[in-house]
Amino acid sequence: MFEIGDLLYILHWDDSGPMYGSPPALVLDRYEAVPKALINDHETNASICGTEKQIVYDILLDGEIEVSISEGWLHAMANIEHGPDESIEQLTERLLASS
């Protein structure tokens, strides 16, 4: 479970892992709801995400607020047990390159 204020990576849609080249996402809120892949297309959303409630997140990603994001689509930037996915130097270099 992620906390408000955590920085996260978004996972690739093809399950190949985190999208390390993309900007990190900031957790704004956590609550229970049905995840939404497509906010305004309820039929397609239901076929992709189902209709069961789960823990979802509102995130800030690349200047846009995304709502009802499934926890399964997110990846922590740092793992408490194993340390960060990338060094501070790598993260700083990547963030500076993307700005």
Protein backbone atom coordinates (compact mmCIF):
# COMPACT_ATOMS: atom_id res chain seq x y z
CA MET A 1 0.00 0.00 0.00
CA PHE A 2 1.36 3.42 -0.94
CA GLU A 3 1.14 6.56 1.17
CA ILE A 4 0.08 10.07 0.20
CA GLY A 5 3.23 11.89 -0.90
CA ASP A 6 5.02 8.76 -2.21
CA LEU A 7 6.77 9.00 -5.56
CA LEU A 8 5.96 6.09 -7.86
CA TYR A 9 6.69 4.72 -11.30
CA ILE A 10 3.85 3.71 -13.60
CA LEU A 11 4.08 0.13 -14.86
CA HIS A 12 4.12 -0.62 -18.60
CA TRP A 13 0.79 -1.82 -19.96
CA ASP A 14 2.56 -4.93 -21.34
CA ASP A 15 3.82 -6.03 -17.88
CA SER A 16 7.46 -5.41 -18.88
CA GLY A 17 8.09 -3.44 -15.68
CA PRO A 18 8.26 0.17 -14.51
CA MET A 19 8.49 2.99 -17.05
CA TYR A 20 11.82 4.32 -15.78
CA GLY A 21 12.11 6.89 -18.58
CA SER A 22 8.90 8.64 -17.57
CA PRO A 23 8.54 11.25 -14.83
CA PRO A 24 7.58 9.89 -11.41
CA ALA A 25 4.00 10.08 -10.19
CA LEU A 26 3.10 11.71 -6.87
CA VAL A 27 0.36 10.08 -4.74
CA LEU A 28 -2.32 12.66 -3.90
CA ASP A 29 -5.01 10.45 -2.38
CA ARG A 30 -5.82 6.79 -1.56
CA TYR A 31 -9.31 5.33 -1.26
CA GLU A 32 -11.53 2.39 -2.17
CA ALA A 33 -13.22 2.48 -5.58
CA VAL A 34 -13.33 0.71 -8.94
CA PRO A 35 -10.13 1.44 -10.91
CA LYS A 36 -10.57 3.51 -14.06
CA ALA A 37 -8.42 3.09 -17.14
CA LEU A 38 -10.76 5.25 -19.23
CA ILE A 39 -12.65 7.79 -17.14
CA ASN A 40 -15.46 8.59 -19.59
CA ASP A 41 -15.98 5.14 -21.13
CA HIS A 42 -17.76 3.05 -18.50
CA GLU A 43 -18.33 -0.01 -20.72
CA THR A 44 -14.71 -0.35 -21.86
CA ASN A 45 -13.48 0.53 -18.39
CA ALA A 46 -15.56 -2.28 -16.88
CA SER A 47 -14.17 -4.76 -19.42
CA ILE A 48 -10.57 -3.71 -18.71
CA CYS A 49 -10.72 -3.15 -14.93
CA GLY A 50 -13.76 -5.09 -13.81
CA THR A 51 -16.38 -3.74 -11.42
CA GLU A 52 -15.00 -4.69 -8.00
CA LYS A 53 -13.82 -2.01 -5.60
CA GLN A 54 -10.19 -2.03 -4.47
CA ILE A 55 -7.61 0.40 -3.13
CA VAL A 56 -6.98 3.04 -5.81
CA TYR A 57 -4.93 6.22 -5.97
CA ASP A 58 -5.21 9.70 -7.37
CA ILE A 59 -1.82 10.73 -8.70
CA LEU A 60 -0.11 13.73 -10.25
CA LEU A 61 1.72 12.55 -13.37
CA ASP A 62 3.51 14.90 -15.74
CA GLY A 63 1.35 17.85 -14.63
CA GLU A 64 -1.96 15.97 -14.96
CA ILE A 65 -4.13 14.53 -12.19
CA GLU A 66 -5.10 10.91 -12.84
CA VAL A 67 -7.89 9.43 -10.71
CA SER A 68 -8.79 5.91 -9.54
CA ILE A 69 -5.48 4.33 -10.54
CA SER A 70 -5.15 0.68 -9.54
CA GLU A 71 -2.38 -0.18 -7.11
CA GLY A 72 -1.35 -2.90 -9.55
CA TRP A 73 -0.41 -0.25 -12.13
CA LEU A 74 2.07 1.46 -9.79
CA HIS A 75 5.60 0.67 -8.59
CA ALA A 76 7.42 2.25 -5.65
CA MET A 77 10.53 4.27 -6.50
CA ALA A 78 12.18 2.92 -3.34
CA ASN A 79 11.66 -0.40 -1.62
CA ILE A 80 12.16 -0.22 2.15
CA GLU A 81 13.69 -3.71 2.28
CA HIS A 82 15.91 -3.50 -0.81
CA GLY A 83 16.67 0.22 -1.22
CA PRO A 84 15.94 2.51 -4.15
CA ASP A 85 15.44 1.18 -7.68
CA GLU A 86 18.00 3.68 -8.90
CA SER A 87 20.72 5.67 -7.18
CA ILE A 88 20.18 9.29 -6.18
CA GLU A 89 22.65 10.26 -8.91
CA GLN A 90 20.73 8.29 -11.56
CA LEU A 91 17.40 9.73 -10.41
CA THR A 92 18.76 13.29 -10.38
CA GLU A 93 20.29 12.89 -13.84
CA ARG A 94 17.05 11.41 -15.25
CA LEU A 95 14.85 14.12 -13.73
CA LEU A 96 17.15 16.90 -14.99
CA ALA A 97 17.21 15.37 -18.47
CA SER A 98 13.38 15.24 -18.61
CA SER A 99 12.89 18.90 -17.62
